[in-house]
């Protein structure tokens, strides 16, 4: 078994799986929300859901999280049915429980209760043999904010192009 060292922690690679490999990404979240804070949460999944995610079958572009009765639930996350599943296969769009400490839940609840804020998943990824979700508290962008971020990205691209051209010109 191959191992990585990071400070005092030993991070293991098991049978070809890297330590933190993204399974699903939510590109719409960064476009539609200004990300204020991120947090890592575990997912309570069934076996067929894990197998389907291992195959990369799912999408989280319309997903959001909500604090209900002291627990955090992920809604509208679509995980396809497992192709070799039987009658005990999972329901693709069922709400899924997120595993967080109480202090993290209270903090998320406080931030999400502010008008215009939402809890959105940024990515599903593997951490060892477990599926984790990177949650973000975001404030919804209006059209002007989206144009502003687009201008900033374009300016950064132009600056990089100019630097590359200057290096090649030498």
N, C-alpha and C. Protein backbone atom coordinates (compact mmCIF):
# COMPACT_ATOMS: atom_id res chain seq x y z
N UNK A 1 0.85 -1.17 0.00
CA UNK A 1 0.00 0.00 0.00
C UNK A 1 0.90 1.24 0.00
N UNK A 2 0.61 2.17 -0.88
CA UNK A 2 1.37 3.40 -0.99
C UNK A 2 0.84 4.42 0.02
N UNK A 3 1.71 5.23 0.61
CA UNK A 3 1.27 6.22 1.61
C UNK A 3 1.85 7.58 1.29
N UNK A 4 1.08 8.62 1.61
CA UNK A 4 1.55 10.01 1.51
C UNK A 4 1.75 10.52 2.92
N UNK A 5 2.71 11.37 3.11
CA UNK A 5 2.91 12.02 4.41
C UNK A 5 2.57 13.49 4.26
N UNK A 6 1.73 13.99 5.14
CA UNK A 6 1.39 15.40 5.15
C UNK A 6 1.45 15.88 6.59
N UNK A 7 2.57 16.45 6.98
CA UNK A 7 2.74 16.85 8.38
C UNK A 7 2.76 15.62 9.25
N UNK A 8 1.90 15.58 10.26
CA UNK A 8 1.82 14.43 11.16
C UNK A 8 0.85 13.38 10.66
N UNK A 9 -0.04 13.77 9.73
CA UNK A 9 -1.08 12.84 9.28
C UNK A 9 -0.56 11.96 8.16
N UNK A 10 -0.93 10.71 8.18
CA UNK A 10 -0.60 9.79 7.10
C UNK A 10 -1.85 9.57 6.26
N UNK A 11 -1.76 9.94 5.00
CA UNK A 11 -2.90 9.83 4.11
C UNK A 11 -2.67 8.63 3.20
N UNK A 12 -3.57 7.69 3.22
CA UNK A 12 -3.35 6.45 2.49
C UNK A 12 -3.96 6.43 1.11
N UNK A 13 -3.28 5.77 0.20
CA UNK A 13 -3.83 5.46 -1.11
C UNK A 13 -4.14 3.98 -1.10
N UNK A 14 -5.37 3.63 -1.41
CA UNK A 14 -5.76 2.23 -1.34
C UNK A 14 -6.12 1.75 -2.74
N UNK A 15 -5.44 0.76 -3.20
CA UNK A 15 -5.70 0.08 -4.47
C UNK A 15 -6.01 1.04 -5.62
N UNK A 16 -5.14 2.03 -5.80
CA UNK A 16 -5.28 2.92 -6.95
C UNK A 16 -6.19 4.10 -6.75
N UNK A 17 -6.96 4.16 -5.67
CA UNK A 17 -7.84 5.30 -5.42
C UNK A 17 -7.02 6.39 -4.78
N UNK A 18 -7.12 7.60 -5.32
CA UNK A 18 -6.40 8.69 -4.69
C UNK A 18 -7.16 9.15 -3.45
N UNK A 19 -6.52 9.95 -2.65
CA UNK A 19 -7.08 10.33 -1.35
C UNK A 19 -8.37 11.12 -1.50
N UNK A 20 -8.36 12.17 -2.30
CA UNK A 20 -9.57 12.98 -2.47
C UNK A 20 -9.81 13.21 -3.95
N UNK A 21 -10.59 12.35 -4.56
CA UNK A 21 -10.90 12.42 -5.97
C UNK A 21 -12.32 12.91 -6.15
N UNK A 22 -12.50 13.95 -6.95
CA UNK A 22 -13.84 14.46 -7.20
C UNK A 22 -14.65 13.47 -8.01
N UNK A 23 -15.89 13.25 -7.58
CA UNK A 23 -16.82 12.38 -8.29
C UNK A 23 -17.72 13.25 -9.17
N UNK A 24 -18.35 14.24 -8.54
CA UNK A 24 -19.26 15.15 -9.24
C UNK A 24 -18.90 16.58 -8.89
N UNK A 25 -19.04 17.49 -9.84
CA UNK A 25 -18.79 18.91 -9.63
C UNK A 25 -20.07 19.69 -9.88
N UNK A 26 -20.23 20.82 -9.22
CA UNK A 26 -21.38 21.69 -9.43
C UNK A 26 -20.86 23.04 -9.93
N UNK A 27 -20.73 23.16 -11.25
CA UNK A 27 -20.20 24.39 -11.84
C UNK A 27 -21.19 25.54 -11.70
N UNK A 28 -22.48 25.25 -11.68
CA UNK A 28 -23.49 26.29 -11.56
C UNK A 28 -23.41 27.01 -10.22
N UNK A 29 -22.95 26.33 -9.18
CA UNK A 29 -22.90 26.93 -7.85
C UNK A 29 -21.95 28.11 -7.83
N UNK A 30 -20.78 27.96 -8.39
CA UNK A 30 -19.80 29.06 -8.40
C UNK A 30 -20.24 30.19 -9.32
N UNK A 31 -21.00 29.87 -10.34
CA UNK A 31 -21.48 30.90 -11.26
C UNK A 31 -22.64 31.68 -10.66
N UNK A 32 -23.56 30.98 -9.97
CA UNK A 32 -24.78 31.62 -9.49
C UNK A 32 -24.68 32.17 -8.07
N UNK A 33 -23.65 31.77 -7.32
CA UNK A 33 -23.53 32.19 -5.92
C UNK A 33 -22.15 32.75 -5.64
N UNK A 34 -22.10 33.74 -4.77
CA UNK A 34 -20.84 34.21 -4.21
C UNK A 34 -20.60 33.33 -2.99
N UNK A 35 -19.53 32.55 -3.01
CA UNK A 35 -19.25 31.57 -1.96
C UNK A 35 -18.69 32.30 -0.74
N UNK A 36 -19.38 32.16 0.40
CA UNK A 36 -18.97 32.83 1.63
C UNK A 36 -18.17 31.89 2.54
N UNK A 37 -18.59 30.63 2.61
CA UNK A 37 -17.93 29.68 3.51
C UNK A 37 -18.16 28.27 2.98
N UNK A 38 -17.16 27.40 3.18
CA UNK A 38 -17.32 26.00 2.77
C UNK A 38 -17.13 25.10 3.98
N UNK A 39 -17.76 23.93 3.90
CA UNK A 39 -17.65 22.94 4.98
C UNK A 39 -17.74 21.55 4.35
N UNK A 40 -17.05 20.58 4.96
CA UNK A 40 -17.09 19.19 4.49
C UNK A 40 -18.12 18.43 5.30
N UNK A 41 -18.93 17.63 4.63
CA UNK A 41 -19.94 16.82 5.32
C UNK A 41 -19.92 15.41 4.76
N UNK A 42 -20.28 14.46 5.61
CA UNK A 42 -20.43 13.09 5.17
C UNK A 42 -21.83 12.90 4.61
N UNK A 43 -22.02 11.84 3.85
CA UNK A 43 -23.32 11.51 3.27
C UNK A 43 -23.77 10.15 3.78
N UNK A 44 -25.02 10.06 4.20
CA UNK A 44 -25.59 8.78 4.59
C UNK A 44 -26.18 8.15 3.33
N UNK A 45 -25.47 7.17 2.77
CA UNK A 45 -25.88 6.56 1.50
C UNK A 45 -26.12 5.08 1.67
N UNK A 46 -26.89 4.52 0.73
CA UNK A 46 -27.10 3.07 0.67
C UNK A 46 -26.04 2.48 -0.26
N UNK A 47 -25.91 1.19 -0.25
CA UNK A 47 -24.89 0.51 -1.04
C UNK A 47 -24.99 0.76 -2.53
N UNK A 48 -26.22 0.73 -3.07
CA UNK A 48 -26.38 0.93 -4.51
C UNK A 48 -26.06 2.38 -4.91
N UNK A 49 -26.28 3.33 -3.98
CA UNK A 49 -25.93 4.72 -4.26
C UNK A 49 -24.42 4.88 -4.37
N UNK A 50 -23.69 4.23 -3.48
CA UNK A 50 -22.23 4.30 -3.51
C UNK A 50 -21.70 3.68 -4.79
N UNK A 51 -22.26 2.54 -5.18
CA UNK A 51 -21.80 1.87 -6.40
C UNK A 51 -22.09 2.72 -7.63
N UNK A 52 -23.23 3.38 -7.64
CA UNK A 52 -23.58 4.26 -8.76
C UNK A 52 -22.64 5.46 -8.81
N UNK A 53 -22.32 6.03 -7.64
CA UNK A 53 -21.38 7.15 -7.61
C UNK A 53 -19.98 6.71 -8.03
N UNK A 54 -19.60 5.50 -7.67
CA UNK A 54 -18.30 4.98 -8.08
C UNK A 54 -18.19 4.93 -9.61
N UNK A 55 -19.34 4.72 -10.25
CA UNK A 55 -19.38 4.71 -11.72
C UNK A 55 -19.54 6.13 -12.28
N UNK A 56 -19.67 7.14 -11.41
CA UNK A 56 -19.78 8.52 -11.84
C UNK A 56 -21.16 8.91 -12.34
N UNK A 57 -22.18 8.17 -11.94
CA UNK A 57 -23.54 8.40 -12.41
C UNK A 57 -24.31 9.27 -11.44
N UNK A 58 -24.43 10.54 -11.76
CA UNK A 58 -25.21 11.44 -10.93
C UNK A 58 -24.99 12.88 -11.34
N UNK A 59 -25.78 13.77 -10.78
CA UNK A 59 -25.60 15.20 -11.03
C UNK A 59 -26.13 15.99 -9.85
N UNK A 60 -25.45 17.10 -9.54
CA UNK A 60 -25.81 17.92 -8.39
C UNK A 60 -26.01 19.38 -8.77
N UNK A 61 -26.25 19.65 -10.05
CA UNK A 61 -26.37 21.05 -10.48
C UNK A 61 -27.61 21.73 -9.92
N UNK A 62 -28.67 20.99 -9.64
CA UNK A 62 -29.90 21.57 -9.10
C UNK A 62 -30.05 21.31 -7.59
N UNK A 63 -29.02 20.76 -6.97
CA UNK A 63 -29.12 20.35 -5.57
C UNK A 63 -28.95 21.53 -4.61
N UNK A 64 -29.54 21.37 -3.44
CA UNK A 64 -29.40 22.35 -2.36
C UNK A 64 -29.57 21.61 -1.05
N UNK A 65 -29.09 22.22 0.04
CA UNK A 65 -29.22 21.62 1.36
C UNK A 65 -30.10 22.50 2.22
N UNK A 66 -30.76 21.89 3.18
CA UNK A 66 -31.68 22.60 4.07
C UNK A 66 -31.57 21.99 5.46
N UNK A 67 -31.61 22.85 6.48
CA UNK A 67 -31.60 22.38 7.86
C UNK A 67 -33.05 22.18 8.29
N UNK A 68 -33.38 20.94 8.66
CA UNK A 68 -34.74 20.59 9.08
C UNK A 68 -34.67 19.79 10.37
N UNK A 69 -35.31 20.30 11.42
CA UNK A 69 -35.40 19.63 12.72
C UNK A 69 -34.02 19.20 13.25
N UNK A 70 -33.05 20.09 13.14
CA UNK A 70 -31.73 19.81 13.69
C UNK A 70 -30.84 18.91 12.85
N UNK A 71 -31.27 18.59 11.64
CA UNK A 71 -30.46 17.78 10.73
C UNK A 71 -30.36 18.49 9.39
N UNK A 72 -29.29 18.22 8.67
CA UNK A 72 -29.10 18.83 7.35
C UNK A 72 -29.43 17.77 6.30
N UNK A 73 -30.28 18.16 5.34
CA UNK A 73 -30.72 17.25 4.28
C UNK A 73 -30.35 17.82 2.92
N UNK A 74 -29.88 16.96 2.04
CA UNK A 74 -29.53 17.35 0.67
C UNK A 74 -30.70 16.99 -0.24
N UNK A 75 -31.26 17.98 -0.92
CA UNK A 75 -32.40 17.79 -1.80
C UNK A 75 -31.98 17.94 -3.26
N UNK A 76 -32.71 17.28 -4.15
CA UNK A 76 -32.54 17.37 -5.61
C UNK A 76 -31.19 16.89 -6.11
N UNK A 77 -30.45 16.13 -5.34
CA UNK A 77 -29.22 15.52 -5.83
C UNK A 77 -29.62 14.22 -6.51
N UNK A 78 -29.34 14.12 -7.79
CA UNK A 78 -29.77 12.95 -8.56
C UNK A 78 -28.61 11.95 -8.65
N UNK A 79 -28.81 10.79 -8.06
CA UNK A 79 -27.86 9.68 -8.18
C UNK A 79 -28.59 8.58 -8.92
N UNK A 80 -28.11 8.27 -10.13
CA UNK A 80 -28.78 7.28 -10.97
C UNK A 80 -28.89 5.94 -10.26
N UNK A 81 -29.92 5.18 -10.66
CA UNK A 81 -30.06 3.83 -10.12
C UNK A 81 -28.87 3.00 -10.57
N UNK A 82 -28.44 2.09 -9.71
CA UNK A 82 -27.33 1.22 -10.03
C UNK A 82 -27.78 0.22 -11.09
N UNK A 83 -26.98 0.08 -12.15
CA UNK A 83 -27.39 -0.73 -13.29
C UNK A 83 -27.58 -2.21 -12.94
N UNK A 84 -26.83 -2.72 -11.97
CA UNK A 84 -26.94 -4.13 -11.60
C UNK A 84 -27.74 -4.31 -10.31
N UNK A 85 -28.45 -3.26 -9.90
CA UNK A 85 -29.26 -3.33 -8.69
C UNK A 85 -30.51 -4.16 -8.92
N UNK A 86 -31.14 -4.58 -7.84
CA UNK A 86 -32.34 -5.39 -7.95
C UNK A 86 -33.53 -4.61 -7.41
N UNK A 87 -34.49 -5.27 -6.84
CA UNK A 87 -35.69 -4.59 -6.34
C UNK A 87 -35.37 -3.67 -5.16
N UNK A 88 -34.20 -3.81 -4.54
CA UNK A 88 -33.81 -2.97 -3.42
C UNK A 88 -32.97 -1.77 -3.86
N UNK A 89 -33.02 -1.44 -5.15
CA UNK A 89 -32.30 -0.29 -5.66
C UNK A 89 -32.85 0.99 -5.03
N UNK A 90 -32.06 2.04 -5.00
CA UNK A 90 -32.47 3.29 -4.35
C UNK A 90 -33.32 4.17 -5.27
N UNK A 91 -33.98 5.17 -4.69
CA UNK A 91 -34.76 6.15 -5.44
C UNK A 91 -33.80 7.28 -5.83
N UNK A 92 -33.71 7.64 -7.12
CA UNK A 92 -32.68 8.58 -7.57
C UNK A 92 -32.69 9.96 -6.92
N UNK A 93 -33.85 10.57 -6.67
CA UNK A 93 -33.87 11.94 -6.17
C UNK A 93 -34.37 12.07 -4.73
N UNK A 94 -34.20 11.05 -3.93
CA UNK A 94 -34.65 11.11 -2.54
C UNK A 94 -33.76 12.06 -1.73
N UNK A 95 -34.31 12.76 -0.72
CA UNK A 95 -33.45 13.59 0.14
C UNK A 95 -32.46 12.70 0.90
N UNK A 96 -31.22 13.18 1.00
CA UNK A 96 -30.17 12.42 1.66
C UNK A 96 -29.65 13.18 2.87
N UNK A 97 -29.43 12.47 3.95
CA UNK A 97 -28.99 13.10 5.19
C UNK A 97 -27.50 13.39 5.12
N UNK A 98 -27.12 14.59 5.57
CA UNK A 98 -25.72 14.97 5.63
C UNK A 98 -25.25 14.84 7.07
N UNK A 99 -24.04 14.35 7.25
CA UNK A 99 -23.50 14.08 8.57
C UNK A 99 -22.55 15.19 8.99
N UNK A 100 -22.99 15.97 9.98
CA UNK A 100 -22.21 17.10 10.49
C UNK A 100 -22.29 17.14 12.01
N UNK A 101 -21.35 17.81 12.63
CA UNK A 101 -21.42 18.03 14.07
C UNK A 101 -22.51 19.06 14.38
N UNK A 102 -23.05 19.02 15.59
CA UNK A 102 -24.13 19.94 15.96
C UNK A 102 -23.72 21.39 15.83
N UNK A 103 -22.49 21.71 16.19
CA UNK A 103 -22.02 23.09 16.10
C UNK A 103 -22.00 23.55 14.64
N UNK A 104 -21.59 22.65 13.73
CA UNK A 104 -21.58 22.99 12.30
C UNK A 104 -23.01 23.17 11.79
N UNK A 105 -23.93 22.33 12.26
CA UNK A 105 -25.33 22.44 11.84
C UNK A 105 -25.90 23.78 12.29
N UNK A 106 -25.64 24.16 13.55
CA UNK A 106 -26.15 25.44 14.05
C UNK A 106 -25.57 26.61 13.26
N UNK A 107 -24.29 26.54 12.95
CA UNK A 107 -23.66 27.61 12.17
C UNK A 107 -24.27 27.71 10.77
N UNK A 108 -24.46 26.56 10.12
CA UNK A 108 -25.08 26.56 8.78
C UNK A 108 -26.51 27.10 8.85
N UNK A 109 -27.23 26.72 9.89
CA UNK A 109 -28.61 27.17 10.03
C UNK A 109 -28.66 28.69 10.19
N UNK A 110 -27.77 29.22 11.00
CA UNK A 110 -27.72 30.67 11.19
C UNK A 110 -27.38 31.41 9.91
N UNK A 111 -26.41 30.89 9.16
CA UNK A 111 -26.01 31.55 7.91
C UNK A 111 -27.08 31.43 6.83
N UNK A 112 -27.76 30.29 6.79
CA UNK A 112 -28.75 30.09 5.72
C UNK A 112 -30.06 30.82 5.99
N UNK A 113 -30.31 31.21 7.24
CA UNK A 113 -31.53 31.94 7.56
C UNK A 113 -31.47 33.40 7.13
N UNK A 114 -30.29 33.89 6.78
CA UNK A 114 -30.15 35.25 6.29
C UNK A 114 -30.73 35.31 4.89
N UNK A 115 -31.51 36.35 4.60
CA UNK A 115 -32.18 36.46 3.30
C UNK A 115 -31.15 36.50 2.17
N UNK A 116 -31.39 35.70 1.15
CA UNK A 116 -30.52 35.65 -0.02
C UNK A 116 -29.40 34.63 0.08
N UNK A 117 -29.27 33.93 1.22
CA UNK A 117 -28.23 32.93 1.38
C UNK A 117 -28.80 31.54 1.18
N UNK A 118 -27.98 30.65 0.67
CA UNK A 118 -28.40 29.26 0.45
C UNK A 118 -27.22 28.34 0.72
N UNK A 119 -27.52 27.08 1.01
CA UNK A 119 -26.50 26.06 1.18
C UNK A 119 -26.52 25.19 -0.07
N UNK A 120 -25.41 25.18 -0.81
CA UNK A 120 -25.34 24.43 -2.06
C UNK A 120 -24.14 23.49 -2.02
N UNK A 121 -24.25 22.32 -2.64
CA UNK A 121 -23.09 21.43 -2.73
C UNK A 121 -22.18 21.87 -3.87
N UNK A 122 -20.88 21.88 -3.62
CA UNK A 122 -19.91 22.21 -4.67
C UNK A 122 -19.39 20.96 -5.36
N UNK A 123 -19.20 19.88 -4.58
CA UNK A 123 -18.64 18.66 -5.17
C UNK A 123 -18.91 17.47 -4.25
N UNK A 124 -19.00 16.29 -4.87
CA UNK A 124 -18.94 15.02 -4.16
C UNK A 124 -17.54 14.50 -4.42
N UNK A 125 -16.89 13.93 -3.40
CA UNK A 125 -15.55 13.39 -3.60
C UNK A 125 -15.31 12.23 -2.65
N UNK A 126 -14.29 11.44 -2.98
CA UNK A 126 -13.89 10.32 -2.14
C UNK A 126 -12.89 10.82 -1.12
N UNK A 127 -13.05 10.41 0.10
CA UNK A 127 -12.03 10.63 1.12
C UNK A 127 -11.80 9.27 1.76
N UNK A 128 -10.75 8.63 1.31
CA UNK A 128 -10.54 7.23 1.68
C UNK A 128 -11.60 6.41 0.95
N UNK A 129 -12.40 5.64 1.69
CA UNK A 129 -13.47 4.85 1.08
C UNK A 129 -14.84 5.49 1.30
N UNK A 130 -14.87 6.70 1.78
CA UNK A 130 -16.14 7.36 2.08
C UNK A 130 -16.43 8.47 1.09
N UNK A 131 -17.72 8.68 0.84
CA UNK A 131 -18.14 9.77 -0.03
C UNK A 131 -18.41 10.99 0.84
N UNK A 132 -17.79 12.10 0.48
CA UNK A 132 -17.99 13.36 1.20
C UNK A 132 -18.57 14.37 0.23
N UNK A 133 -19.21 15.40 0.80
CA UNK A 133 -19.74 16.48 -0.01
C UNK A 133 -19.15 17.79 0.52
N UNK A 134 -18.70 18.64 -0.40
CA UNK A 134 -18.21 19.96 -0.04
C UNK A 134 -19.38 20.92 -0.17
N UNK A 135 -19.88 21.40 0.98
CA UNK A 135 -21.01 22.32 1.00
C UNK A 135 -20.49 23.75 1.06
N UNK A 136 -21.26 24.66 0.49
CA UNK A 136 -20.91 26.08 0.55
C UNK A 136 -22.13 26.88 0.92
N UNK A 137 -21.93 27.89 1.75
CA UNK A 137 -22.97 28.87 2.01
C UNK A 137 -22.69 29.99 1.03
N UNK A 138 -23.70 30.28 0.20
CA UNK A 138 -23.50 31.29 -0.83
C UNK A 138 -24.61 32.32 -0.85
N UNK A 139 -24.25 33.49 -1.31
CA UNK A 139 -25.22 34.56 -1.50
C UNK A 139 -25.49 34.62 -3.00
N UNK A 140 -26.75 34.61 -3.38
CA UNK A 140 -27.12 34.62 -4.79
C UNK A 140 -26.63 35.86 -5.51
N UNK A 141 -26.05 35.66 -6.68
CA UNK A 141 -25.57 36.78 -7.48
C UNK A 141 -26.70 37.29 -8.36
N UNK A 142 -26.74 38.59 -8.57
CA UNK A 142 -27.68 39.12 -9.55
C UNK A 142 -26.94 39.24 -10.88
N UNK A 143 -27.62 39.70 -11.91
CA UNK A 143 -27.04 39.71 -13.25
C UNK A 143 -25.78 40.56 -13.31
N UNK A 144 -25.77 41.70 -12.62
CA UNK A 144 -24.60 42.58 -12.62
C UNK A 144 -23.39 41.92 -11.99
N UNK A 145 -23.60 41.18 -10.90
CA UNK A 145 -22.50 40.47 -10.25
C UNK A 145 -21.91 39.41 -11.17
N UNK A 146 -22.79 38.73 -11.91
CA UNK A 146 -22.31 37.69 -12.83
C UNK A 146 -21.45 38.32 -13.93
N UNK A 147 -21.90 39.49 -14.44
CA UNK A 147 -21.11 40.17 -15.46
C UNK A 147 -19.77 40.63 -14.91
N UNK A 148 -19.77 41.08 -13.66
CA UNK A 148 -18.53 41.53 -13.03
C UNK A 148 -17.53 40.38 -12.92
N UNK A 149 -18.00 39.19 -12.46
CA UNK A 149 -17.09 38.04 -12.37
C UNK A 149 -16.59 37.62 -13.74
N UNK A 150 -17.45 37.72 -14.75
CA UNK A 150 -17.04 37.39 -16.11
C UNK A 150 -15.95 38.35 -16.60
N UNK A 151 -16.09 39.64 -16.30
CA UNK A 151 -15.07 40.62 -16.68
C UNK A 151 -13.75 40.34 -15.97
N UNK A 152 -13.81 39.98 -14.68
CA UNK A 152 -12.59 39.67 -13.93
C UNK A 152 -11.88 38.46 -14.52
N UNK A 153 -12.64 37.41 -14.84
CA UNK A 153 -12.03 36.21 -15.44
C UNK A 153 -11.40 36.54 -16.78
N UNK A 154 -12.10 37.34 -17.59
CA UNK A 154 -11.56 37.72 -18.91
C UNK A 154 -10.29 38.54 -18.76
N UNK A 155 -10.26 39.46 -17.78
CA UNK A 155 -9.06 40.26 -17.54
C UNK A 155 -7.89 39.38 -17.12
N UNK A 156 -8.16 38.38 -16.26
CA UNK A 156 -7.10 37.45 -15.84
C UNK A 156 -6.57 36.66 -17.03
N UNK A 157 -7.47 36.21 -17.91
CA UNK A 157 -7.03 35.47 -19.11
C UNK A 157 -6.15 36.33 -19.99
N UNK A 158 -6.57 37.59 -20.20
CA UNK A 158 -5.79 38.50 -21.05
C UNK A 158 -4.41 38.74 -20.44
N UNK A 159 -4.34 38.89 -19.11
CA UNK A 159 -3.07 39.11 -18.45
C UNK A 159 -2.16 37.90 -18.62
N UNK A 160 -2.72 36.69 -18.47
CA UNK A 160 -1.92 35.47 -18.66
C UNK A 160 -1.43 35.35 -20.10
N UNK A 161 -2.31 35.67 -21.06
CA UNK A 161 -1.90 35.63 -22.48
C UNK A 161 -0.77 36.60 -22.75
N UNK A 162 -0.87 37.80 -22.17
CA UNK A 162 0.17 38.81 -22.38
C UNK A 162 1.50 38.35 -21.77
N UNK A 163 1.45 37.74 -20.58
CA UNK A 163 2.67 37.24 -19.96
C UNK A 163 3.31 36.13 -20.80
N UNK A 164 2.50 35.24 -21.31
CA UNK A 164 3.02 34.14 -22.13
C UNK A 164 3.62 34.69 -23.42
N UNK A 165 2.92 35.65 -24.03
CA UNK A 165 3.45 36.26 -25.26
C UNK A 165 4.75 37.00 -25.00
N UNK A 166 4.86 37.68 -23.85
CA UNK A 166 6.10 38.40 -23.50
C UNK A 166 7.24 37.41 -23.29
N UNK A 167 6.95 36.27 -22.67
CA UNK A 167 7.99 35.26 -22.44
C UNK A 167 8.47 34.66 -23.76
N UNK A 168 7.56 34.41 -24.68
CA UNK A 168 7.92 33.83 -25.96
C UNK A 168 8.69 34.82 -26.82
N UNK A 169 8.42 36.11 -26.62
CA UNK A 169 9.08 37.14 -27.42
C UNK A 169 10.53 37.35 -27.05
N UNK A 170 10.97 36.86 -25.89
CA UNK A 170 12.36 37.06 -25.44
C UNK A 170 13.32 36.20 -26.16
